[in-house]
Each structure stands twice: as structure tokens, then as C-alpha cells.
C-alpha atoms as a PDB file:
ATOM      1  CA  MET A   1      14.389 -23.412  50.875  1.00  0.00           C
ATOM      2  CA  THR A   2      13.694 -27.101  50.460  1.00  0.00           C
ATOM      3  CA  LEU A   3      10.271 -28.652  50.127  1.00  0.00           C
ATOM      4  CA  PRO A   4       7.921 -29.249  51.790  1.00  0.00           C
ATOM      5  CA  ALA A   5       7.333 -25.641  52.828  1.00  0.00           C
ATOM      6  CA  LEU A   6       4.603 -24.372  55.116  1.00  0.00           C
ATOM      7  CA  GLU A   7       3.084 -20.900  55.300  1.00  0.00           C
ATOM      8  CA  ARG A   8       0.229 -19.307  57.236  1.00  0.00           C
ATOM      9  CA  ALA A   9      -2.388 -17.168  55.487  1.00  0.00           C
ATOM     10  CA  TYR A  10      -3.754 -14.621  57.948  1.00  0.00           C
ATOM     11  CA  ALA A  11      -7.355 -13.416  57.922  1.00  0.00           C
ATOM     12  CA  LYS A  12      -7.911  -9.690  57.624  1.00  0.00           C
ATOM     13  CA  VAL A  13     -10.296  -7.507  59.551  1.00  0.00           C
ATOM     14  CA  ASN A  14     -11.540  -4.063  58.546  1.00  0.00           C
ATOM     15  CA  LEU A  15     -11.638  -2.100  61.798  1.00  0.00           C
ATOM     16  CA  CYS A  16     -13.199   0.701  59.833  1.00  0.00           C
ATOM     17  CA  LEU A  17     -14.425   0.835  56.247  1.00  0.00           C
ATOM     18  CA  PHE A  18     -15.659   4.046  54.645  1.00  0.00           C
ATOM     19  CA  LEU A  19     -17.259   3.677  51.215  1.00  0.00           C
ATOM     20  CA  GLY A  20     -16.671   6.227  48.468  1.00  0.00           C
ATOM     21  CA  PRO A  21     -18.134   6.594  44.984  1.00  0.00           C
ATOM     22  CA  PRO A  22     -17.700   4.069  42.157  1.00  0.00           C
ATOM     23  CA  ARG A  23     -14.576   4.387  40.005  1.00  0.00           C
ATOM     24  CA  ALA A  24     -14.164   4.071  36.256  1.00  0.00           C
ATOM     25  CA  ASP A  25     -12.749   0.544  36.726  1.00  0.00           C
ATOM     26  CA  GLY A  26     -15.930  -0.620  38.470  1.00  0.00           C
ATOM     27  CA  ARG A  27     -14.423  -0.663  41.950  1.00  0.00           C
ATOM     28  CA  HIS A  28     -15.298   1.833  44.684  1.00  0.00           C
ATOM     29  CA  GLU A  29     -13.068   4.353  46.400  1.00  0.00           C
ATOM     30  CA  LEU A  30     -12.420   3.152  49.936  1.00  0.00           C
ATOM     31  CA  LEU A  31     -10.827   4.302  53.136  1.00  0.00           C
ATOM     32  CA  THR A  32     -10.196   1.397  55.456  1.00  0.00           C
ATOM     33  CA  LEU A  33      -8.084   0.339  58.392  1.00  0.00           C
ATOM     34  CA  PHE A  34      -6.913  -3.243  57.856  1.00  0.00           C
ATOM     35  CA  ASP A  35      -5.376  -5.527  60.416  1.00  0.00           C
ATOM     36  CA  SER A  36      -4.235  -9.148  60.246  1.00  0.00           C
ATOM     37  CA  LEU A  37      -5.509 -11.785  62.658  1.00  0.00           C
ATOM     38  CA  THR A  38      -4.125 -14.992  64.096  1.00  0.00           C
ATOM     39  CA  LEU A  39      -7.089 -16.820  62.532  1.00  0.00           C
ATOM     40  CA  ALA A  40      -5.245 -18.363  59.592  1.00  0.00           C
ATOM     41  CA  ASP A  41      -5.349 -20.935  56.826  1.00  0.00           C
ATOM     42  CA  GLU A  42      -2.311 -23.186  56.477  1.00  0.00           C
ATOM     43  CA  LEU A  43      -0.624 -23.806  53.119  1.00  0.00           C
ATOM     44  CA  SER A  44       1.566 -26.836  52.569  1.00  0.00           C
ATOM     45  CA  VAL A  45       3.741 -26.727  49.436  1.00  0.00           C
ATOM     46  CA  THR A  46       5.239 -29.941  48.103  1.00  0.00           C
ATOM     47  CA  ALA A  47       6.864 -31.026  44.842  1.00  0.00           C
ATOM     48  CA  ALA A  48       4.520 -31.986  41.997  1.00  0.00           C
ATOM     49  CA  PRO A  49       6.479 -33.508  39.088  1.00  0.00           C
ATOM     50  CA  SER A  50       3.385 -33.514  36.889  1.00  0.00           C
ATOM     51  CA  GLY A  51       2.920 -29.737  37.191  1.00  0.00           C
ATOM     52  CA  ASP A  52       1.428 -27.091  39.460  1.00  0.00           C
ATOM     53  CA  ARG A  53      -1.839 -27.827  41.204  1.00  0.00           C
ATOM     54  CA  VAL A  54      -3.857 -26.422  44.101  1.00  0.00           C
ATOM     55  CA  VAL A  55      -5.866 -28.563  46.511  1.00  0.00           C
ATOM     56  CA  CYS A  56      -8.434 -26.923  48.770  1.00  0.00           C
ATOM     57  CA  ALA A  57     -10.925 -29.374  50.260  1.00  0.00           C
ATOM     58  CA  GLY A  58     -14.498 -28.153  50.411  1.00  0.00           C
ATOM     59  CA  VAL A  59     -13.923 -25.060  48.253  1.00  0.00           C
ATOM     60  CA  PRO A  60     -14.909 -25.771  44.643  1.00  0.00           C
ATOM     61  CA  GLY A  61     -13.779 -23.786  41.623  1.00  0.00           C
ATOM     62  CA  ARG A  62     -10.573 -21.994  40.739  1.00  0.00           C
ATOM     63  CA  ASN A  63      -8.563 -20.675  43.666  1.00  0.00           C
ATOM     64  CA  LEU A  64      -6.698 -17.342  43.737  1.00  0.00           C
ATOM     65  CA  VAL A  65      -3.615 -19.342  44.687  1.00  0.00           C
ATOM     66  CA  ALA A  66      -3.622 -20.915  41.227  1.00  0.00           C
ATOM     67  CA  ASP A  67      -3.806 -17.435  39.688  1.00  0.00           C
ATOM     68  CA  ALA A  68      -0.919 -16.281  41.888  1.00  0.00           C
ATOM     69  CA  VAL A  69       1.263 -19.241  40.889  1.00  0.00           C
ATOM     70  CA  ALA A  70       0.469 -18.755  37.195  1.00  0.00           C
ATOM     71  CA  ALA A  71       1.281 -15.032  37.406  1.00  0.00           C
ATOM     72  CA  LEU A  72       4.569 -15.767  39.185  1.00  0.00           C
ATOM     73  CA  ARG A  73       5.506 -18.255  36.464  1.00  0.00           C
ATOM     74  CA  ALA A  74       4.713 -15.655  33.806  1.00  0.00           C
ATOM     75  CA  ALA A  75       7.046 -13.243  35.625  1.00  0.00           C
ATOM     76  CA  GLY A  76       9.960 -15.693  35.340  1.00  0.00           C
ATOM     77  CA  TRP A  77       9.678 -17.474  38.686  1.00  0.00           C
ATOM     78  CA  ASP A  78      10.773 -21.026  37.959  1.00  0.00           C
ATOM     79  CA  PRO A  79      10.834 -23.566  40.808  1.00  0.00           C
ATOM     80  CA  PRO A  80       9.903 -27.192  40.010  1.00  0.00           C
ATOM     81  CA  GLY A  81       6.229 -28.077  39.778  1.00  0.00           C
ATOM     82  CA  LEU A  82       4.349 -27.430  43.001  1.00  0.00           C
ATOM     83  CA  CYS A  83       1.319 -28.769  44.813  1.00  0.00           C
ATOM     84  CA  VAL A  84      -0.221 -26.230  47.181  1.00  0.00           C
ATOM     85  CA  ALA A  85      -2.599 -27.832  49.697  1.00  0.00           C
ATOM     86  CA  ILE A  86      -4.743 -25.377  51.662  1.00  0.00           C
ATOM     87  CA  GLU A  87      -6.222 -26.212  55.059  1.00  0.00           C
ATOM     88  CA  LYS A  88      -9.089 -23.735  55.422  1.00  0.00           C
ATOM     89  CA  ARG A  89      -9.730 -22.145  58.811  1.00  0.00           C
ATOM     90  CA  ILE A  90     -10.813 -18.699  57.669  1.00  0.00           C
ATOM     91  CA  PRO A  91     -14.547 -18.726  56.839  1.00  0.00           C
ATOM     92  CA  VAL A  92     -15.160 -18.852  53.067  1.00  0.00           C
ATOM     93  CA  ALA A  93     -16.819 -15.903  51.249  1.00  0.00           C
ATOM     94  CA  ALA A  94     -17.209 -14.240  54.618  1.00  0.00           C
ATOM     95  CA  GLY A  95     -15.577 -10.818  54.375  1.00  0.00           C
ATOM     96  CA  MET A  96     -12.330 -11.903  56.060  1.00  0.00           C
ATOM     97  CA  GLY A  97     -10.226 -12.134  52.910  1.00  0.00           C
ATOM     98  CA  GLY A  98      -9.529 -15.858  53.068  1.00  0.00           C
ATOM     99  CA  GLY A  99      -8.882 -16.357  49.357  1.00  0.00           C
ATOM    100  CA  SER A 100      -6.785 -13.194  49.216  1.00  0.00           C
ATOM    101  CA  ALA A 101      -4.842 -14.334  52.291  1.00  0.00           C
ATOM    102  CA  ASP A 102      -4.016 -17.651  50.604  1.00  0.00           C
ATOM    103  CA  ALA A 103      -2.766 -15.884  47.464  1.00  0.00           C
ATOM    104  CA  ALA A 104      -0.761 -13.434  49.582  1.00  0.00           C
ATOM    105  CA  ALA A 105       0.829 -16.320  51.482  1.00  0.00           C
ATOM    106  CA  VAL A 106       2.056 -17.855  48.210  1.00  0.00           C
ATOM    107  CA  LEU A 107       3.466 -14.496  47.101  1.00  0.00           C
ATOM    108  CA  ARG A 108       5.209 -14.128  50.479  1.00  0.00           C
ATOM    109  CA  LEU A 109       6.645 -17.624  50.200  1.00  0.00           C
ATOM    110  CA  ALA A 110       7.690 -17.344  46.535  1.00  0.00           C
ATOM    111  CA  PRO A 111      11.107 -15.660  47.011  1.00  0.00           C
ATOM    112  CA  ARG A 112      12.111 -18.403  49.418  1.00  0.00           C
ATOM    113  CA  LEU A 113      11.461 -21.057  46.749  1.00  0.00           C
ATOM    114  CA  ALA A 114      13.097 -19.386  43.745  1.00  0.00           C
ATOM    115  CA  PRO A 115      14.341 -15.931  42.699  1.00  0.00           C
ATOM    116  CA  VAL A 116      11.630 -13.463  41.729  1.00  0.00           C
ATOM    117  CA  ASP A 117      11.554  -9.729  41.092  1.00  0.00           C
ATOM    118  CA  PRO A 118      10.011  -7.967  44.147  1.00  0.00           C
ATOM    119  CA  GLY A 119       8.383  -5.465  41.815  1.00  0.00           C
ATOM    120  CA  ALA A 120       6.667  -8.310  39.990  1.00  0.00           C
ATOM    121  CA  VAL A 121       5.348  -9.681  43.278  1.00  0.00           C
ATOM    122  CA  ALA A 122       3.865  -6.268  44.134  1.00  0.00           C
ATOM    123  CA  ARG A 123       2.242  -5.974  40.697  1.00  0.00           C
ATOM    124  CA  ILE A 124       0.817  -9.481  40.901  1.00  0.00           C
ATOM    125  CA  ALA A 125      -0.613  -8.789  44.363  1.00  0.00           C
ATOM    126  CA  ALA A 126      -2.372  -5.646  43.128  1.00  0.00           C
ATOM    127  CA  GLY A 127      -3.715  -7.473  40.092  1.00  0.00           C
ATOM    128  CA  LEU A 128      -5.208 -10.304  42.135  1.00  0.00           C
ATOM    129  CA  GLY A 129      -7.525  -8.073  44.178  1.00  0.00           C
ATOM    130  CA  ALA A 130      -7.683  -5.085  46.485  1.00  0.00           C
ATOM    131  CA  ASP A 131      -7.241  -7.182  49.647  1.00  0.00           C
ATOM    132  CA  VAL A 132      -4.107  -9.036  48.533  1.00  0.00           C
ATOM    133  CA  PRO A 133      -1.399  -6.338  48.885  1.00  0.00           C
ATOM    134  CA  ALA A 134      -2.239  -5.677  52.536  1.00  0.00           C
ATOM    135  CA  GLN A 135      -1.956  -9.377  53.323  1.00  0.00           C
ATOM    136  CA  VAL A 136       1.446  -9.945  51.704  1.00  0.00           C
ATOM    137  CA  ASP A 137       2.954  -7.980  54.604  1.00  0.00           C
ATOM    138  CA  PRO A 138       0.589  -8.753  57.510  1.00  0.00           C
ATOM    139  CA  GLY A 139      -0.112  -6.069  60.067  1.00  0.00           C
ATOM    140  CA  PRO A 140      -2.155  -2.884  60.378  1.00  0.00           C
ATOM    141  CA  SER A 141      -2.393  -0.570  57.375  1.00  0.00           C
ATOM    142  CA  ILE A 142      -4.585   2.256  56.195  1.00  0.00           C
ATOM    143  CA  GLY A 143      -5.893   1.456  52.726  1.00  0.00           C
ATOM    144  CA  THR A 144      -7.053   4.013  50.166  1.00  0.00           C
ATOM    145  CA  GLY A 145      -7.803   3.827  46.461  1.00  0.00           C
ATOM    146  CA  ALA A 146      -9.763   0.593  46.144  1.00  0.00           C
ATOM    147  CA  GLY A 147      -8.134  -0.467  49.414  1.00  0.00           C
ATOM    148  CA  ASP A 148      -4.897  -1.346  47.632  1.00  0.00           C
ATOM    149  CA  VAL A 149      -2.887   1.858  48.264  1.00  0.00           C
ATOM    150  CA  LEU A 150      -1.339   1.164  51.642  1.00  0.00           C
ATOM    151  CA  LEU A 151       0.113   3.156  54.512  1.00  0.00           C
ATOM    152  CA  PRO A 152       1.566   0.565  56.905  1.00  0.00           C
ATOM    153  CA  LEU A 153       1.192   1.362  60.606  1.00  0.00           C
ATOM    154  CA  PRO A 154       3.613   0.259  63.329  1.00  0.00           C
ATOM    155  CA  GLY A 155       0.887  -1.150  65.552  1.00  0.00           C
ATOM    156  CA  LEU A 156      -2.454  -0.643  67.233  1.00  0.00           C
ATOM    157  CA  PRO A 157      -3.584  -0.739  70.860  1.00  0.00           C
ATOM    158  CA  PRO A 158      -4.240  -4.344  72.043  1.00  0.00           C
ATOM    159  CA  TYR A 159      -7.574  -5.998  71.358  1.00  0.00           C
ATOM    160  CA  GLY A 160      -9.219  -9.377  70.949  1.00  0.00           C
ATOM    161  CA  VAL A 161     -11.775 -10.399  68.326  1.00  0.00           C
ATOM    162  CA  LEU A 162     -14.860 -12.563  68.643  1.00  0.00           C
ATOM    163  CA  VAL A 163     -15.636 -14.076  65.223  1.00  0.00           C
ATOM    164  CA  LEU A 164     -19.186 -15.183  64.475  1.00  0.00           C
ATOM    165  CA  PRO A 165     -19.342 -16.830  61.013  1.00  0.00           C
ATOM    166  CA  GLN A 166     -22.763 -16.952  59.380  1.00  0.00           C
ATOM    167  CA  PRO A 167     -24.335 -20.019  57.741  1.00  0.00           C
ATOM    168  CA  SER A 168     -24.483 -18.691  54.167  1.00  0.00           C
ATOM    169  CA  PRO A 169     -21.854 -16.825  52.125  1.00  0.00           C
ATOM    170  CA  LEU A 170     -22.562 -13.327  50.848  1.00  0.00           C
ATOM    171  CA  PRO A 171     -21.037 -12.419  47.457  1.00  0.00           C
ATOM    172  CA  THR A 172     -18.972  -9.251  47.670  1.00  0.00           C
ATOM    173  CA  ALA A 173     -20.295  -7.881  44.383  1.00  0.00           C
ATOM    174  CA  ALA A 174     -23.882  -8.243  45.587  1.00  0.00           C
ATOM    175  CA  VAL A 175     -23.111  -6.267  48.749  1.00  0.00           C
ATOM    176  CA  TYR A 176     -21.579  -3.419  46.760  1.00  0.00           C
ATOM    177  CA  ARG A 177     -24.572  -3.366  44.411  1.00  0.00           C
ATOM    178  CA  GLU A 178     -26.895  -3.156  47.390  1.00  0.00           C
ATOM    179  CA  ALA A 179     -24.776  -0.371  48.878  1.00  0.00           C
ATOM    180  CA  ASP A 180     -25.183   1.574  45.635  1.00  0.00           C
ATOM    181  CA  ARG A 181     -28.929   0.928  45.643  1.00  0.00           C
ATOM    182  CA  LEU A 182     -29.144   2.237  49.213  1.00  0.00           C
ATOM    183  CA  GLY A 183     -27.017   5.272  48.393  1.00  0.00           C
ATOM    184  CA  LEU A 184     -24.420   4.526  51.073  1.00  0.00           C
ATOM    185  CA  ALA A 185     -21.363   5.992  49.324  1.00  0.00           C
ATOM    186  CA  ARG A 186     -19.691   9.108  50.688  1.00  0.00           C
ATOM    187  CA  THR A 187     -18.277  11.834  48.446  1.00  0.00           C
ATOM    188  CA  SER A 188     -14.627  11.898  47.422  1.00  0.00           C
ATOM    189  CA  ASP A 189     -14.118  15.103  49.425  1.00  0.00           C
ATOM    190  CA  GLU A 190     -15.596  13.505  52.541  1.00  0.00           C
ATOM    191  CA  LEU A 191     -13.352  10.466  52.102  1.00  0.00           C
ATOM    192  CA  ALA A 192     -10.266  12.687  51.771  1.00  0.00           C
ATOM    193  CA  ALA A 193     -11.119  14.548  54.974  1.00  0.00           C
ATOM    194  CA  LEU A 194     -11.688  11.274  56.810  1.00  0.00           C
ATOM    195  CA  ARG A 195      -8.331   9.955  55.596  1.00  0.00           C
ATOM    196  CA  ASP A 196      -6.462  12.877  57.168  1.00  0.00           C
ATOM    197  CA  GLU A 197      -8.340  12.436  60.439  1.00  0.00           C
ATOM    198  CA  LEU A 198      -7.896   8.670  60.549  1.00  0.00           C
ATOM    199  CA  THR A 199      -4.136   8.912  60.092  1.00  0.00           C
ATOM    200  CA  SER A 200      -3.857  11.088  63.200  1.00  0.00           C
ATOM    201  CA  VAL A 201      -6.441   9.217  65.280  1.00  0.00           C
ATOM    202  CA  VAL A 202      -4.880   5.747  65.069  1.00  0.00           C
ATOM    203  CA  ALA A 203      -1.532   7.041  66.286  1.00  0.00           C
ATOM    204  CA  ASP A 204      -3.163   7.128  69.731  1.00  0.00           C
ATOM    205  CA  ARG A 205      -6.271   4.959  69.768  1.00  0.00           C
ATOM    206  CA  LEU A 206      -9.313   4.152  67.667  1.00  0.00           C
ATOM    207  CA  PRO A 207     -12.425   5.769  69.192  1.00  0.00           C
ATOM    208  CA  ASP A 208     -15.835   4.121  68.895  1.00  0.00           C
ATOM    209  CA  ALA A 209     -16.917   6.721  66.351  1.00  0.00           C
ATOM    210  CA  TRP A 210     -14.303   5.417  63.929  1.00  0.00           C
ATOM    211  CA  ILE A 211     -15.198   1.728  64.204  1.00  0.00           C
ATOM    212  CA  VAL A 212     -17.649   1.916  61.332  1.00  0.00           C
ATOM    213  CA  ASN A 213     -18.421  -0.250  58.315  1.00  0.00           C
ATOM    214  CA  ASP A 214     -20.345   1.635  55.638  1.00  0.00           C
ATOM    215  CA  LEU A 215     -21.168  -1.688  53.933  1.00  0.00           C
ATOM    216  CA  GLN A 216     -22.944  -3.027  57.021  1.00  0.00           C
ATOM    217  CA  PRO A 217     -26.446  -1.756  56.124  1.00  0.00           C
ATOM    218  CA  ALA A 218     -26.137  -3.384  52.696  1.00  0.00           C
ATOM    219  CA  ALA A 219     -25.009  -6.709  54.173  1.00  0.00           C
ATOM    220  CA  VAL A 220     -27.846  -6.665  56.724  1.00  0.00           C
ATOM    221  CA  SER A 221     -30.339  -5.777  53.978  1.00  0.00           C
ATOM    222  CA  LEU A 222     -29.319  -8.877  52.011  1.00  0.00           C
ATOM    223  CA  ALA A 223     -28.964 -11.159  55.047  1.00  0.00           C
ATOM    224  CA  PRO A 224     -31.132  -9.898  57.953  1.00  0.00           C
ATOM    225  CA  VAL A 225     -29.911 -12.757  60.183  1.00  0.00           C
ATOM    226  CA  ILE A 226     -26.693 -10.747  60.542  1.00  0.00           C
ATOM    227  CA  GLU A 227     -28.509  -8.396  62.920  1.00  0.00           C
ATOM    228  CA  ASP A 228     -29.061 -11.276  65.368  1.00  0.00           C
ATOM    229  CA  ALA A 229     -25.312 -11.951  65.414  1.00  0.00           C
ATOM    230  CA  LEU A 230     -24.526  -8.269  65.933  1.00  0.00           C
ATOM    231  CA  GLN A 231     -26.860  -8.149  68.900  1.00  0.00           C
ATOM    232  CA  ALA A 232     -25.427 -11.386  70.300  1.00  0.00           C
ATOM    233  CA  ALA A 233     -21.923  -9.893  70.201  1.00  0.00           C
ATOM    234  CA  ARG A 234     -23.128  -6.762  71.964  1.00  0.00           C
ATOM    235  CA  ASP A 235     -24.920  -8.842  74.594  1.00  0.00           C
ATOM    236  CA  ALA A 236     -21.682 -10.823  75.085  1.00  0.00           C
ATOM    237  CA  GLY A 237     -19.879  -7.660  76.136  1.00  0.00           C
ATOM    238  CA  ALA A 238     -18.193  -6.570  72.915  1.00  0.00           C
ATOM    239  CA  ASP A 239     -16.991  -2.971  73.021  1.00  0.00           C
ATOM    240  CA  ARG A 240     -18.097  -2.714  69.400  1.00  0.00           C
ATOM    241  CA  ALA A 241     -19.828  -5.158  67.046  1.00  0.00           C
ATOM    242  CA  LEU A 242     -19.755  -4.818  63.280  1.00  0.00           C
ATOM    243  CA  VAL A 243     -19.860  -6.716  60.009  1.00  0.00           C
ATOM    244  CA  CYS A 244     -16.402  -7.732  58.783  1.00  0.00           C
ATOM    245  CA  GLY A 245     -15.691  -6.346  55.311  1.00  0.00           C
ATOM    246  CA  SER A 246     -18.549  -7.143  52.952  1.00  0.00           C
ATOM    247  CA  GLY A 247     -19.867  -9.776  55.369  1.00  0.00           C
ATOM    248  CA  PRO A 248     -21.584 -11.837  56.400  1.00  0.00           C
ATOM    249  CA  THR A 249     -19.152 -12.594  59.253  1.00  0.00           C
ATOM    250  CA  VAL A 250     -19.802 -10.556  62.401  1.00  0.00           C
ATOM    251  CA  ILE A 251     -16.976  -9.555  64.711  1.00  0.00           C
ATOM    252  CA  GLY A 252     -16.992  -8.276  68.249  1.00  0.00           C
ATOM    253  CA  LEU A 253     -14.055  -6.127  69.337  1.00  0.00           C
ATOM    254  CA  TYR A 254     -12.766  -6.385  72.909  1.00  0.00           C
ATOM    255  CA  ARG A 255     -10.188  -3.690  73.519  1.00  0.00           C
ATOM    256  CA  GLY A 256      -7.427  -3.583  76.104  1.00  0.00           C
ATOM    257  CA  GLU A 257      -4.870  -6.031  77.457  1.00  0.00           C
ATOM    258  CA  ASP A 258      -7.678  -8.310  78.657  1.00  0.00           C
ATOM    259  CA  GLY A 259      -9.432  -8.147  75.276  1.00  0.00           C
ATOM    260  CA  PRO A 260      -8.393 -11.623  74.076  1.00  0.00           C
ATOM    261  CA  ASP A 261      -9.531 -13.210  77.353  1.00  0.00           C
ATOM    262  CA  ARG A 262     -12.892 -11.428  77.204  1.00  0.00           C
ATOM    263  CA  ALA A 263     -13.342 -12.455  73.563  1.00  0.00           C
ATOM    264  CA  THR A 264     -12.600 -16.080  74.500  1.00  0.00           C
ATOM    265  CA  ALA A 265     -15.170 -15.993  77.313  1.00  0.00           C
ATOM    266  CA  ALA A 266     -17.734 -14.522  74.917  1.00  0.00           C
ATOM    267  CA  ALA A 267     -17.115 -17.246  72.334  1.00  0.00           C
ATOM    268  CA  HIS A 268     -17.662 -19.932  74.979  1.00  0.00           C
ATOM    269  CA  SER A 269     -20.889 -18.285  76.114  1.00  0.00           C
ATOM    270  CA  LEU A 270     -22.231 -18.204  72.539  1.00  0.00           C
ATOM    271  CA  GLN A 271     -21.302 -21.751  71.458  1.00  0.00           C
ATOM    272  CA  ALA A 272     -24.869 -23.021  71.761  1.00  0.00           C
ATOM    273  CA  SER A 273     -26.240 -20.374  69.374  1.00  0.00           C
ATOM    274  CA  PHE A 274     -23.115 -19.970  67.230  1.00  0.00           C
ATOM    275  CA  PRO A 275     -21.262 -23.294  67.163  1.00  0.00           C
ATOM    276  CA  ARG A 276     -18.607 -21.904  64.790  1.00  0.00           C
ATOM    277  CA  ALA A 277     -17.780 -18.973  67.076  1.00  0.00           C
ATOM    278  CA  THR A 278     -14.049 -18.502  67.484  1.00  0.00           C
ATOM    279  CA  VAL A 279     -11.544 -15.903  68.636  1.00  0.00           C
ATOM    280  CA  ALA A 280      -8.504 -14.184  67.177  1.00  0.00           C
ATOM    281  CA  ALA A 281      -5.940 -11.541  68.025  1.00  0.00           C
ATOM    282  CA  PRO A 282      -3.768  -9.199  65.930  1.00  0.00           C
ATOM    283  CA  VAL A 283      -0.698 -10.734  64.314  1.00  0.00           C
ATOM    284  CA  GLY A 284       1.353  -7.554  64.736  1.00  0.00           C
ATOM    285  CA  ARG A 285       3.448  -5.599  62.261  1.00  0.00           C
ATOM    286  CA  GLY A 286       6.565  -7.450  61.155  1.00  0.00           C
ATOM    287  CA  VAL A 287       5.973 -10.366  63.531  1.00  0.00           C
ATOM    288  CA  LEU A 288       5.427 -13.166  61.065  1.00  0.00           C
ATOM    289  CA  ASP A 289       5.449 -16.624  62.531  1.00  0.00           C
ATOM    290  CA  PRO A 290       7.145 -18.802  59.915  1.00  0.00           C
ATOM    291  CA  MET A 291       6.120 -22.417  60.105  1.00  0.00           C
ATOM    292  CA  PRO A 292       8.932 -24.944  60.286  1.00  0.00           C
ATOM    293  CA  ASN A 293       9.329 -27.355  57.403  1.00  0.00           C
ATOM    294  CA  GLU A 294       8.273 -30.881  58.123  1.00  0.00           C
END
């Protein structure tokens, strides 16, 4: 592949998230159903003779993309120096995996820029964070372990998503600490039983009882304004409303073939109260939309 190269970084949504006990490594056991959404950042990769750099306007500090590039270099990946410019569309620090999506997009793009061991890519993805592996290969997956042990699924019934970003970010670590303080974790045995049930349930449909986020009470405890957004999504006709990941973003799910249209109508109706309201739909398993080089 010649430069410049373009790649989309797809937001993730946790359609369910069951919280287990803390692990020895400081993470928590999780059972979650991921999916990838059309809401996406865009990465533009160009040559940088002076060396690798990452540009992400409005997002200060080190970016996971820089860590991904450095790890690829350490694994023997050796294209010329690169500049990765990120156009952010996924809300930042919002529970939608934006930083992880950007890193995953670079890992997905890497083999098209220079040879790299696929096993190294998988190891790098796991080392960058629990959300990254699921986003290297966008589409629905059941995640166990810390969310990084994946069972890819062929697809899910159609749905649309109303996305209601909140004004202030919510650090993931703080949400997990609050979840521990509130005693929200399930036992390992309960998580194992839920895993077996979830695998069979999603083959047909995802009932309301399974659209659950165990971290939601912790996120609402730290940011009570989230409850207003949840109620707004319900009032706008969402089949289910829940916090996305660790929050604070709120999503409304609109299921069925007309789900995307209903989500779009809801976003329009809420623009006055939530000016950043937007909509998204599932990307689909194995249906990547490569961006043409410019």
C-alpha cells in the first residue's frame, strides 16, 4: 500500500456488561457483548521523514496510537516514518472505546503498510487494553476474561443506536472503584452461568433482560446527570436505554429494521437538550469499509 492511507476506527458499544470480581492483575472479570458502530474516527497516515508522530486535535497527552506504533516497531514492523492524524468523532473518555478504536485501526492497517507477524499484532492488541482486541476485527463478539477473550458472532438482529454524549468525561478507573464500593460485582460462578446462557440467547435475539450494564449504578453515582439522559432516551421511544461501557455516554437502542430511522428521529427531537446527540448503526461482522487512498 502506498501513502497516504486512510482507516476508520469504529466505536464500540456494550449491549450487555456483567461485572465479576477483581482479578490479581487489578482488572475485573467481565462478561460482555460487544458490537462495533458506524460512529467512527478517521485516521490519515502519511509519510513523516523526521520520525513517527501522532496528531489528535483537542485530545492532549499520549495517545494509544503512539503506543501501538511503538509496539509494532519493537516487533520488527519497519515502514518509513509515519504521521498518524486522527479526526475524532467518537466522544472522548465516554465509554465508547475511542482511544482503543484508534489503536485497533492502526493495528488493522499495519500489515498493509509493511510485513508484520499476525501473532505479534494479537499480542500488542491485548497488551494495549481489554477493548482493543475486539476492535481490531470489528463486529459482534462475546468477551470474557477482562473482556479480551473473544468469541466472534456472525451477526445480531438489526438495531439503531441513539448516542447521547455527556458534557464531562468519566475516568474508567473511577467507575470501577465506585462499583467496588457499591458491591456491584457478581460471583465467578454467576458469571460462568451467565456466559453459557448468553451464548445461546444471542443466536436468536437479545431479550430486554439481557440488555444490562452492571457498571451503570456506579456511573450514575459519580455523575447523577446521566439519569436525565437515560430518561430522555426512554421518553424518545428507545426500546432500552443504558450507560455505554463505563460511561458517561448514554445510548438508546431501537431494535428492528426501522431501528435506525427511529433512532434518527429521536436524535432530532432531542437536539435542543442534547446538541451533541447523534445516531449509529452496527458495522456488521466482516463488512469493513476500507477508505480509498487520496
